[in-house]
Amino acid sequence: MAASSLSLVDTHAHLDDESFDGDRSAVLARAAEVGVTRVVNIGYRPVRWETSAALAAGHPGVSVALGLHPQHADEFDADLIPRLEARITVVGAVAVGEIGLDYFRDGPSPQVQRRAMEAQLDLAIRLRLPVVIHQRAAEEDCAAILGDAPVGLLAVLHSFDGTDLLAGLAEERGWILGVGGLMTRASNEPLRAIIARYPLERLVLETDSPYLVPSGTRDRRNVPANVPRIAARLAGLRGLPVDAVARVTTATAEQTFNLPSERTASLDGGSEHACTTVLPPPDPARRDD
């Protein structure tokens, strides 16, 4: 099969997830075939920092972001920030995240989530790294915390599904919205309206693999090879050619995350078990609807 002429970046994936243990290399190879040349893999709790780092070590096209997801904020303690900073430095993480607030399901208290979020925001500011924000059913609190952050903070609002409240703050601050499977759902017309008018140069593409499968996709497991579907939907929404959307969103991803050039990056290499370590059971709190 001929390689795609597009150059795309999946800015948010979880390819160290157990669902990829049997075919991880094939998933990455298929992504490269359709033009997805680089992936940002998210290590969202300490055990995932290690699996994400191992994955990136075997695949030059994979970069990592490291942080503590709000649904795991009960793992936050006095040692977490020093440990996180050390891993970010050693691994060469391109962002802090994903961090934020998630009130949708039972989990750590809002107070615990806010404390973890604020501490990690401080770390991102100190390290001069972008921060990847997870927000679900917590828009007002999330906007309040982010609104108090220094103007120099660069936030990427992962899988954005907020309202004009958060979108307005993001546009004012020059922040990035992550566009993925949520935009494709028939019920999300208000979200599409926001994305249709948000500055194109402030948008990036993502899958959140293996979660948030785009509408119209048969496989219940999301994969980076679905990024062209997202690009096509965004192009249709904006009335632009797909290659224009690819060019702009890829440039934004490269600049935001300081990604390696396409010439030096590769999703090939490694093995199915390159990121294997002893993991806890799959997270029931992850958003997969």
C-alpha atoms as a PDB file:
ATOM      1  CA  MET A   1       0.000   0.000   0.000  1.00  0.00           C
ATOM      2  CA  ALA A   2       1.376   3.430  -0.937  1.00  0.00           C
ATOM      3  CA  ALA A   3       2.185   5.750   1.924  1.00  0.00           C
ATOM      4  CA  SER A   4      -0.077   8.753   2.431  1.00  0.00           C
ATOM      5  CA  SER A   5       1.102  12.162   1.266  1.00  0.00           C
ATOM      6  CA  LEU A   6      -0.326  13.692   4.453  1.00  0.00           C
ATOM      7  CA  SER A   7       1.797  14.339   7.523  1.00  0.00           C
ATOM      8  CA  LEU A   8      -0.302  14.125  10.677  1.00  0.00           C
ATOM      9  CA  VAL A   9       0.311  14.029  14.420  1.00  0.00           C
ATOM     10  CA  ASP A  10      -1.766  12.177  17.002  1.00  0.00           C
ATOM     11  CA  THR A  11      -1.273  14.490  19.970  1.00  0.00           C
ATOM     12  CA  HIS A  12      -2.946  12.259  22.565  1.00  0.00           C
ATOM     13  CA  ALA A  13      -2.841   8.473  22.740  1.00  0.00           C
ATOM     14  CA  HIS A  14      -2.398   5.651  25.238  1.00  0.00           C
ATOM     15  CA  LEU A  15      -0.556   3.073  23.153  1.00  0.00           C
ATOM     16  CA  ASP A  16       0.947   1.436  26.237  1.00  0.00           C
ATOM     17  CA  ASP A  17      -2.573   0.274  27.089  1.00  0.00           C
ATOM     18  CA  GLU A  18      -2.975  -3.493  27.431  1.00  0.00           C
ATOM     19  CA  SER A  19      -5.397  -3.564  24.495  1.00  0.00           C
ATOM     20  CA  PHE A  20      -2.383  -3.024  22.209  1.00  0.00           C
ATOM     21  CA  ASP A  21      -0.167  -5.722  23.692  1.00  0.00           C
ATOM     22  CA  GLY A  22      -0.869  -8.163  20.857  1.00  0.00           C
ATOM     23  CA  ASP A  23      -0.444  -5.852  17.863  1.00  0.00           C
ATOM     24  CA  ARG A  24       1.266  -2.634  18.957  1.00  0.00           C
ATOM     25  CA  SER A  25       3.851  -2.673  16.176  1.00  0.00           C
ATOM     26  CA  ALA A  26       1.160  -3.295  13.563  1.00  0.00           C
ATOM     27  CA  VAL A  27      -0.925  -0.426  14.952  1.00  0.00           C
ATOM     28  CA  LEU A  28       2.033   1.933  14.656  1.00  0.00           C
ATOM     29  CA  ALA A  29       2.893   0.679  11.174  1.00  0.00           C
ATOM     30  CA  ARG A  30      -0.676   1.221   9.998  1.00  0.00           C
ATOM     31  CA  ALA A  31      -0.616   4.751  11.413  1.00  0.00           C
ATOM     32  CA  ALA A  32       2.527   5.520   9.431  1.00  0.00           C
ATOM     33  CA  GLU A  33       0.928   4.143   6.252  1.00  0.00           C
ATOM     34  CA  VAL A  34      -1.918   6.660   6.463  1.00  0.00           C
ATOM     35  CA  GLY A  35       0.367   9.597   7.230  1.00  0.00           C
ATOM     36  CA  VAL A  36       0.443   9.692  11.035  1.00  0.00           C
ATOM     37  CA  THR A  37       4.162  10.191  11.503  1.00  0.00           C
ATOM     38  CA  ARG A  38       4.295  11.130  15.188  1.00  0.00           C
ATOM     39  CA  VAL A  39       2.355  10.323  18.350  1.00  0.00           C
ATOM     40  CA  VAL A  40       2.343  11.892  21.808  1.00  0.00           C
ATOM     41  CA  ASN A  41       1.743   9.089  24.297  1.00  0.00           C
ATOM     42  CA  ILE A  42       0.273  10.112  27.637  1.00  0.00           C
ATOM     43  CA  GLY A  43       1.657   8.630  30.850  1.00  0.00           C
ATOM     44  CA  TYR A  44      -1.148   9.559  33.225  1.00  0.00           C
ATOM     45  CA  ARG A  45       0.007   7.943  36.491  1.00  0.00           C
ATOM     46  CA  PRO A  46       3.375   6.776  37.834  1.00  0.00           C
ATOM     47  CA  VAL A  47       3.173   3.206  36.547  1.00  0.00           C
ATOM     48  CA  ARG A  48       2.292   4.601  33.108  1.00  0.00           C
ATOM     49  CA  TRP A  49       5.281   6.941  33.162  1.00  0.00           C
ATOM     50  CA  GLU A  50       7.455   3.866  32.821  1.00  0.00           C
ATOM     51  CA  THR A  51       5.455   2.094  30.119  1.00  0.00           C
ATOM     52  CA  SER A  52       5.206   5.305  28.098  1.00  0.00           C
ATOM     53  CA  ALA A  53       8.946   5.882  28.373  1.00  0.00           C
ATOM     54  CA  ALA A  54       9.662   2.320  27.274  1.00  0.00           C
ATOM     55  CA  LEU A  55       7.372   2.721  24.272  1.00  0.00           C
ATOM     56  CA  ALA A  56       9.064   5.951  23.204  1.00  0.00           C
ATOM     57  CA  ALA A  57      12.516   4.417  23.617  1.00  0.00           C
ATOM     58  CA  GLY A  58      11.696   1.899  20.890  1.00  0.00           C
ATOM     59  CA  HIS A  59       9.951   4.293  18.510  1.00  0.00           C
ATOM     60  CA  PRO A  60      11.574   7.657  17.604  1.00  0.00           C
ATOM     61  CA  GLY A  61       8.213   8.918  16.344  1.00  0.00           C
ATOM     62  CA  VAL A  62       6.637   8.538  19.790  1.00  0.00           C
ATOM     63  CA  SER A  63       7.051  11.341  22.327  1.00  0.00           C
ATOM     64  CA  VAL A  64       5.641  11.309  25.838  1.00  0.00           C
ATOM     65  CA  ALA A  65       3.763  13.573  28.215  1.00  0.00           C
ATOM     66  CA  LEU A  66       3.835  12.644  31.900  1.00  0.00           C
ATOM     67  CA  GLY A  67       1.460  13.644  34.670  1.00  0.00           C
ATOM     68  CA  LEU A  68      -1.222  12.534  37.101  1.00  0.00           C
ATOM     69  CA  HIS A  69      -4.770  12.143  35.771  1.00  0.00           C
ATOM     70  CA  PRO A  70      -7.471  13.575  38.066  1.00  0.00           C
ATOM     71  CA  GLN A  71      -9.094  10.169  38.482  1.00  0.00           C
ATOM     72  CA  HIS A  72      -5.818   9.035  40.043  1.00  0.00           C
ATOM     73  CA  ALA A  73      -5.287  12.143  42.156  1.00  0.00           C
ATOM     74  CA  ASP A  74      -5.397  10.006  45.297  1.00  0.00           C
ATOM     75  CA  GLU A  75      -1.859   8.950  44.306  1.00  0.00           C
ATOM     76  CA  PHE A  76      -0.730  12.545  44.838  1.00  0.00           C
ATOM     77  CA  ASP A  77       1.561  12.962  47.840  1.00  0.00           C
ATOM     78  CA  ALA A  78       4.548  15.035  48.921  1.00  0.00           C
ATOM     79  CA  ASP A  79       6.915  12.970  46.781  1.00  0.00           C
ATOM     80  CA  LEU A  80       4.957  13.013  43.538  1.00  0.00           C
ATOM     81  CA  ILE A  81       6.118  16.343  42.121  1.00  0.00           C
ATOM     82  CA  PRO A  82       9.839  15.629  42.682  1.00  0.00           C
ATOM     83  CA  ARG A  83       9.378  12.154  41.178  1.00  0.00           C
ATOM     84  CA  LEU A  84       7.455  13.559  38.222  1.00  0.00           C
ATOM     85  CA  GLU A  85      10.035  16.256  37.588  1.00  0.00           C
ATOM     86  CA  ALA A  86      12.820  13.681  37.653  1.00  0.00           C
ATOM     87  CA  ARG A  87      11.068  11.411  35.162  1.00  0.00           C
ATOM     88  CA  ILE A  88      10.206  14.313  32.858  1.00  0.00           C
ATOM     89  CA  THR A  89      13.863  15.329  32.833  1.00  0.00           C
ATOM     90  CA  VAL A  90      15.259  11.837  32.263  1.00  0.00           C
ATOM     91  CA  VAL A  91      12.695  10.825  29.643  1.00  0.00           C
ATOM     92  CA  GLY A  92      12.613  14.178  27.861  1.00  0.00           C
ATOM     93  CA  ALA A  93       8.849  14.507  28.153  1.00  0.00           C
ATOM     94  CA  VAL A  94       7.319  17.114  25.853  1.00  0.00           C
ATOM     95  CA  ALA A  95       4.497  18.148  28.215  1.00  0.00           C
ATOM     96  CA  VAL A  96       3.041  17.747  31.688  1.00  0.00           C
ATOM     97  CA  GLY A  97      -0.180  15.790  31.527  1.00  0.00           C
ATOM     98  CA  GLU A  98      -2.719  14.770  31.396  1.00  0.00           C
ATOM     99  CA  ILE A  99      -3.840  16.663  34.464  1.00  0.00           C
ATOM    100  CA  GLY A 100      -7.031  18.480  35.393  1.00  0.00           C
ATOM    101  CA  LEU A 101     -10.438  17.855  36.927  1.00  0.00           C
ATOM    102  CA  ASP A 102     -12.979  15.087  36.398  1.00  0.00           C
ATOM    103  CA  TYR A 103     -16.194  15.192  38.423  1.00  0.00           C
ATOM    104  CA  PHE A 104     -18.165  12.902  36.112  1.00  0.00           C
ATOM    105  CA  ARG A 105     -17.580   9.691  38.027  1.00  0.00           C
ATOM    106  CA  ASP A 106     -16.866   8.801  41.615  1.00  0.00           C
ATOM    107  CA  GLY A 107     -13.216   9.199  42.452  1.00  0.00           C
ATOM    108  CA  PRO A 108     -10.897  11.473  44.383  1.00  0.00           C
ATOM    109  CA  SER A 109     -12.610  14.460  45.969  1.00  0.00           C
ATOM    110  CA  PRO A 110     -12.658  17.782  44.107  1.00  0.00           C
ATOM    111  CA  GLN A 111     -10.301  19.185  46.734  1.00  0.00           C
ATOM    112  CA  VAL A 112      -7.755  16.429  46.132  1.00  0.00           C
ATOM    113  CA  GLN A 113      -8.064  16.822  42.363  1.00  0.00           C
ATOM    114  CA  ARG A 114      -7.591  20.583  42.563  1.00  0.00           C
ATOM    115  CA  ARG A 115      -4.510  20.240  44.749  1.00  0.00           C
ATOM    116  CA  ALA A 116      -2.909  17.802  42.310  1.00  0.00           C
ATOM    117  CA  MET A 117      -3.803  19.973  39.320  1.00  0.00           C
ATOM    118  CA  GLU A 118      -2.434  23.171  40.839  1.00  0.00           C
ATOM    119  CA  ALA A 119       0.839  21.542  41.870  1.00  0.00           C
ATOM    120  CA  GLN A 120       1.368  20.141  38.379  1.00  0.00           C
ATOM    121  CA  LEU A 121       0.528  23.471  36.771  1.00  0.00           C
ATOM    122  CA  ASP A 122       3.251  25.031  38.906  1.00  0.00           C
ATOM    123  CA  LEU A 123       5.658  22.348  37.705  1.00  0.00           C
ATOM    124  CA  ALA A 124       4.798  22.944  34.051  1.00  0.00           C
ATOM    125  CA  ILE A 125       5.352  26.666  34.480  1.00  0.00           C
ATOM    126  CA  ARG A 126       8.683  26.103  36.193  1.00  0.00           C
ATOM    127  CA  LEU A 127       9.847  23.657  33.516  1.00  0.00           C
ATOM    128  CA  ARG A 128       8.453  25.832  30.709  1.00  0.00           C
ATOM    129  CA  LEU A 129       6.498  22.934  29.286  1.00  0.00           C
ATOM    130  CA  PRO A 130       2.980  22.869  27.861  1.00  0.00           C
ATOM    131  CA  VAL A 131       0.327  21.240  30.003  1.00  0.00           C
ATOM    132  CA  VAL A 132      -2.284  18.770  28.734  1.00  0.00           C
ATOM    133  CA  ILE A 133      -5.633  19.402  30.430  1.00  0.00           C
ATOM    134  CA  HIS A 134      -8.353  16.815  31.054  1.00  0.00           C
ATOM    135  CA  GLN A 135     -11.732  18.300  31.974  1.00  0.00           C
ATOM    136  CA  ARG A 136     -14.985  16.463  32.421  1.00  0.00           C
ATOM    137  CA  ALA A 137     -18.065  17.814  34.219  1.00  0.00           C
ATOM    138  CA  ALA A 138     -15.820  20.351  35.956  1.00  0.00           C
ATOM    139  CA  GLU A 139     -15.665  23.263  33.534  1.00  0.00           C
ATOM    140  CA  GLU A 140     -16.236  26.117  35.973  1.00  0.00           C
ATOM    141  CA  ASP A 141     -13.617  24.944  38.457  1.00  0.00           C
ATOM    142  CA  CYS A 142     -11.178  24.124  35.672  1.00  0.00           C
ATOM    143  CA  ALA A 143     -11.622  27.541  34.070  1.00  0.00           C
ATOM    144  CA  ALA A 144     -11.148  29.241  37.440  1.00  0.00           C
ATOM    145  CA  ILE A 145      -7.862  27.449  38.128  1.00  0.00           C
ATOM    146  CA  LEU A 146      -6.532  27.953  34.610  1.00  0.00           C
ATOM    147  CA  GLY A 147      -7.657  31.562  34.619  1.00  0.00           C
ATOM    148  CA  ASP A 148      -5.443  32.213  37.644  1.00  0.00           C
ATOM    149  CA  ALA A 149      -2.394  30.704  35.936  1.00  0.00           C
ATOM    150  CA  PRO A 150       0.360  32.974  34.602  1.00  0.00           C
ATOM    151  CA  VAL A 151      -0.240  34.322  31.122  1.00  0.00           C
ATOM    152  CA  GLY A 152       2.811  32.454  29.818  1.00  0.00           C
ATOM    153  CA  LEU A 153       1.284  29.038  30.455  1.00  0.00           C
ATOM    154  CA  LEU A 154       0.538  27.054  27.284  1.00  0.00           C
ATOM    155  CA  ALA A 155      -2.392  24.689  27.787  1.00  0.00           C
ATOM    156  CA  VAL A 156      -3.663  22.003  25.435  1.00  0.00           C
ATOM    157  CA  LEU A 157      -7.309  21.284  26.259  1.00  0.00           C
ATOM    158  CA  HIS A 158      -7.395  17.590  25.473  1.00  0.00           C
ATOM    159  CA  SER A 159     -10.449  16.216  23.657  1.00  0.00           C
ATOM    160  CA  PHE A 160     -12.169  19.539  24.160  1.00  0.00           C
ATOM    161  CA  ASP A 161     -15.839  19.277  25.025  1.00  0.00           C
ATOM    162  CA  GLY A 162     -16.413  22.473  26.983  1.00  0.00           C
ATOM    163  CA  THR A 163     -18.658  25.442  26.349  1.00  0.00           C
ATOM    164  CA  ASP A 164     -17.979  29.034  25.389  1.00  0.00           C
ATOM    165  CA  LEU A 165     -16.792  29.630  28.966  1.00  0.00           C
ATOM    166  CA  LEU A 166     -13.641  27.566  28.587  1.00  0.00           C
ATOM    167  CA  ALA A 167     -13.291  28.125  24.845  1.00  0.00           C
ATOM    168  CA  GLY A 168     -13.371  31.876  25.368  1.00  0.00           C
ATOM    169  CA  LEU A 169     -10.652  31.717  28.016  1.00  0.00           C
ATOM    170  CA  ALA A 170      -8.600  29.448  25.784  1.00  0.00           C
ATOM    171  CA  GLU A 171      -8.861  31.781  22.806  1.00  0.00           C
ATOM    172  CA  GLU A 172      -7.984  34.792  24.947  1.00  0.00           C
ATOM    173  CA  ARG A 173      -4.848  33.040  26.227  1.00  0.00           C
ATOM    174  CA  GLY A 174      -3.846  31.504  22.899  1.00  0.00           C
ATOM    175  CA  TRP A 175      -4.321  27.943  24.116  1.00  0.00           C
ATOM    176  CA  ILE A 176      -4.769  24.838  22.010  1.00  0.00           C
ATOM    177  CA  LEU A 177      -7.922  22.738  21.624  1.00  0.00           C
ATOM    178  CA  GLY A 178      -7.543  19.012  20.999  1.00  0.00           C
ATOM    179  CA  VAL A 179      -9.996  17.764  18.366  1.00  0.00           C
ATOM    180  CA  GLY A 180     -10.926  14.087  18.313  1.00  0.00           C
ATOM    181  CA  GLY A 181     -13.749  11.589  18.305  1.00  0.00           C
ATOM    182  CA  LEU A 182     -16.123  13.688  20.397  1.00  0.00           C
ATOM    183  CA  MET A 183     -16.441  16.180  17.539  1.00  0.00           C
ATOM    184  CA  THR A 184     -17.805  13.454  15.247  1.00  0.00           C
ATOM    185  CA  ARG A 185     -20.808  12.521  17.363  1.00  0.00           C
ATOM    186  CA  ALA A 186     -24.214  13.549  16.076  1.00  0.00           C
ATOM    187  CA  SER A 187     -25.257  14.972  19.437  1.00  0.00           C
ATOM    188  CA  ASN A 188     -22.275  17.325  19.648  1.00  0.00           C
ATOM    189  CA  GLU A 189     -23.455  20.152  17.413  1.00  0.00           C
ATOM    190  CA  PRO A 190     -22.608  22.818  20.049  1.00  0.00           C
ATOM    191  CA  LEU A 191     -19.054  21.491  20.185  1.00  0.00           C
ATOM    192  CA  ARG A 192     -18.742  21.563  16.402  1.00  0.00           C
ATOM    193  CA  ALA A 193     -19.939  25.169  16.422  1.00  0.00           C
ATOM    194  CA  ILE A 194     -17.117  26.113  18.791  1.00  0.00           C
ATOM    195  CA  ILE A 195     -14.506  24.226  16.785  1.00  0.00           C
ATOM    196  CA  ALA A 196     -15.788  25.728  13.524  1.00  0.00           C
ATOM    197  CA  ARG A 197     -15.000  29.253  14.690  1.00  0.00           C
ATOM    198  CA  TYR A 198     -11.919  28.634  16.844  1.00  0.00           C
ATOM    199  CA  PRO A 199      -8.649  29.740  15.175  1.00  0.00           C
ATOM    200  CA  LEU A 200      -7.439  26.856  13.022  1.00  0.00           C
ATOM    201  CA  GLU A 201      -3.827  27.474  14.007  1.00  0.00           C
ATOM    202  CA  ARG A 202      -4.819  26.774  17.626  1.00  0.00           C
ATOM    203  CA  LEU A 203      -6.229  23.297  16.932  1.00  0.00           C
ATOM    204  CA  VAL A 204      -4.479  19.925  17.056  1.00  0.00           C
ATOM    205  CA  LEU A 205      -5.720  16.431  16.199  1.00  0.00           C
ATOM    206  CA  GLU A 206      -5.887  13.487  18.586  1.00  0.00           C
ATOM    207  CA  THR A 207      -7.455  10.072  19.058  1.00  0.00           C
ATOM    208  CA  ASP A 208      -7.180   9.321  22.806  1.00  0.00           C
ATOM    209  CA  SER A 209      -6.565   5.745  21.634  1.00  0.00           C
ATOM    210  CA  PRO A 210      -7.909   3.262  22.596  1.00  0.00           C
ATOM    211  CA  TYR A 211     -10.815   5.469  23.757  1.00  0.00           C
ATOM    212  CA  LEU A 212     -13.258   7.837  22.007  1.00  0.00           C
ATOM    213  CA  VAL A 213     -13.631   6.023  18.697  1.00  0.00           C
ATOM    214  CA  PRO A 214     -14.885   8.365  15.932  1.00  0.00           C
ATOM    215  CA  SER A 215     -18.458   7.896  14.797  1.00  0.00           C
ATOM    216  CA  GLY A 216     -18.766   5.587  11.810  1.00  0.00           C
ATOM    217  CA  THR A 217     -15.793   3.468  12.853  1.00  0.00           C
ATOM    218  CA  ARG A 218     -16.521  -0.237  13.200  1.00  0.00           C
ATOM    219  CA  ASP A 219     -13.687  -1.105  15.552  1.00  0.00           C
ATOM    220  CA  ARG A 220     -14.484  -0.331  19.192  1.00  0.00           C
ATOM    221  CA  ARG A 221     -10.797   0.283  19.835  1.00  0.00           C
ATOM    222  CA  ASN A 222      -9.502   3.642  18.678  1.00  0.00           C
ATOM    223  CA  VAL A 223      -6.120   3.778  16.936  1.00  0.00           C
ATOM    224  CA  PRO A 224      -3.818   6.539  15.621  1.00  0.00           C
ATOM    225  CA  ALA A 225      -4.697   5.517  12.055  1.00  0.00           C
ATOM    226  CA  ASN A 226      -8.053   7.220  12.671  1.00  0.00           C
ATOM    227  CA  VAL A 227      -6.432  10.670  12.731  1.00  0.00           C
ATOM    228  CA  PRO A 228      -7.126  11.155   8.983  1.00  0.00           C
ATOM    229  CA  ARG A 229     -10.837  10.627   9.747  1.00  0.00           C
ATOM    230  CA  ILE A 230     -10.671  13.421  12.300  1.00  0.00           C
ATOM    231  CA  ALA A 231      -8.784  15.627   9.850  1.00  0.00           C
ATOM    232  CA  ALA A 232     -11.405  14.998   7.169  1.00  0.00           C
ATOM    233  CA  ARG A 233     -14.269  15.849   9.521  1.00  0.00           C
ATOM    234  CA  LEU A 234     -12.526  19.020  10.622  1.00  0.00           C
ATOM    235  CA  ALA A 235     -11.818  19.961   7.008  1.00  0.00           C
ATOM    236  CA  GLY A 236     -15.494  19.509   6.134  1.00  0.00           C
ATOM    237  CA  LEU A 237     -16.533  21.574   9.124  1.00  0.00           C
ATOM    238  CA  ARG A 238     -14.190  24.401   8.156  1.00  0.00           C
ATOM    239  CA  GLY A 239     -14.746  24.173   4.391  1.00  0.00           C
ATOM    240  CA  LEU A 240     -11.064  23.517   3.741  1.00  0.00           C
ATOM    241  CA  PRO A 241      -9.048  20.872   1.892  1.00  0.00           C
ATOM    242  CA  VAL A 242      -7.822  18.056   4.110  1.00  0.00           C
ATOM    243  CA  ASP A 243      -4.200  18.775   3.239  1.00  0.00           C
ATOM    244  CA  ALA A 244      -4.598  22.353   4.494  1.00  0.00           C
ATOM    245  CA  VAL A 245      -5.967  21.121   7.821  1.00  0.00           C
ATOM    246  CA  ALA A 246      -3.156  18.568   8.041  1.00  0.00           C
ATOM    247  CA  ARG A 247      -0.501  21.165   7.319  1.00  0.00           C
ATOM    248  CA  VAL A 248      -1.750  23.687   9.897  1.00  0.00           C
ATOM    249  CA  THR A 249      -2.554  21.254  12.711  1.00  0.00           C
ATOM    250  CA  THR A 250       0.737  19.413  12.257  1.00  0.00           C
ATOM    251  CA  ALA A 251       2.698  22.658  12.394  1.00  0.00           C
ATOM    252  CA  THR A 252       0.853  23.598  15.584  1.00  0.00           C
ATOM    253  CA  ALA A 253       1.568  20.202  17.151  1.00  0.00           C
ATOM    254  CA  GLU A 254       5.249  20.427  16.221  1.00  0.00           C
ATOM    255  CA  GLN A 255       5.575  23.885  17.719  1.00  0.00           C
ATOM    256  CA  THR A 256       3.508  23.192  20.835  1.00  0.00           C
ATOM    257  CA  PHE A 257       5.258  19.966  21.804  1.00  0.00           C
ATOM    258  CA  ASN A 258       8.668  20.691  20.243  1.00  0.00           C
ATOM    259  CA  LEU A 259       8.404  17.423  18.334  1.00  0.00           C
ATOM    260  CA  PRO A 260      11.227  15.825  16.367  1.00  0.00           C
ATOM    261  CA  SER A 261      11.095  16.519  12.661  1.00  0.00           C
ATOM    262  CA  GLU A 262       9.296  14.083  10.408  1.00  0.00           C
ATOM    263  CA  ARG A 263      12.627  13.268   8.768  1.00  0.00           C
ATOM    264  CA  THR A 264      14.116  11.897  12.002  1.00  0.00           C
ATOM    265  CA  ALA A 265      10.959  10.450  13.566  1.00  0.00           C
ATOM    266  CA  SER A 266       9.685   6.954  12.915  1.00  0.00           C
ATOM    267  CA  LEU A 267       6.844   4.843  14.237  1.00  0.00           C
ATOM    268  CA  ASP A 268       8.640   1.676  13.106  1.00  0.00           C
ATOM    269  CA  GLY A 269      10.836  -0.447  15.329  1.00  0.00           C
ATOM    270  CA  GLY A 270      10.395  -1.935  18.763  1.00  0.00           C
ATOM    271  CA  SER A 271       8.324  -5.006  19.542  1.00  0.00           C
ATOM    272  CA  GLU A 272       4.876  -5.901  20.719  1.00  0.00           C
ATOM    273  CA  HIS A 273       6.141  -6.055  24.288  1.00  0.00           C
ATOM    274  CA  ALA A 274       8.514  -3.091  24.233  1.00  0.00           C
ATOM    275  CA  CYS A 275       6.558  -1.283  26.936  1.00  0.00           C
ATOM    276  CA  THR A 276       5.686  -4.286  29.067  1.00  0.00           C
ATOM    277  CA  THR A 277       5.748  -3.883  32.835  1.00  0.00           C
ATOM    278  CA  VAL A 278       3.574  -5.058  35.689  1.00  0.00           C
ATOM    279  CA  LEU A 279       0.400  -2.998  35.564  1.00  0.00           C
ATOM    280  CA  PRO A 280      -2.696  -2.684  37.722  1.00  0.00           C
ATOM    281  CA  PRO A 281      -6.051  -3.765  36.262  1.00  0.00           C
ATOM    282  CA  PRO A 282      -7.518  -1.556  33.487  1.00  0.00           C
ATOM    283  CA  ASP A 283      -8.919   1.716  34.787  1.00  0.00           C
ATOM    284  CA  PRO A 284     -12.728   1.614  35.036  1.00  0.00           C
ATOM    285  CA  ALA A 285     -12.823   5.397  35.318  1.00  0.00           C
ATOM    286  CA  ARG A 286     -11.321   6.036  31.889  1.00  0.00           C
ATOM    287  CA  ARG A 287     -13.688   7.713  29.460  1.00  0.00           C
ATOM    288  CA  ASP A 288     -14.526   5.165  26.792  1.00  0.00           C
ATOM    289  CA  ASP A 289     -18.078   6.170  25.898  1.00  0.00           C
END
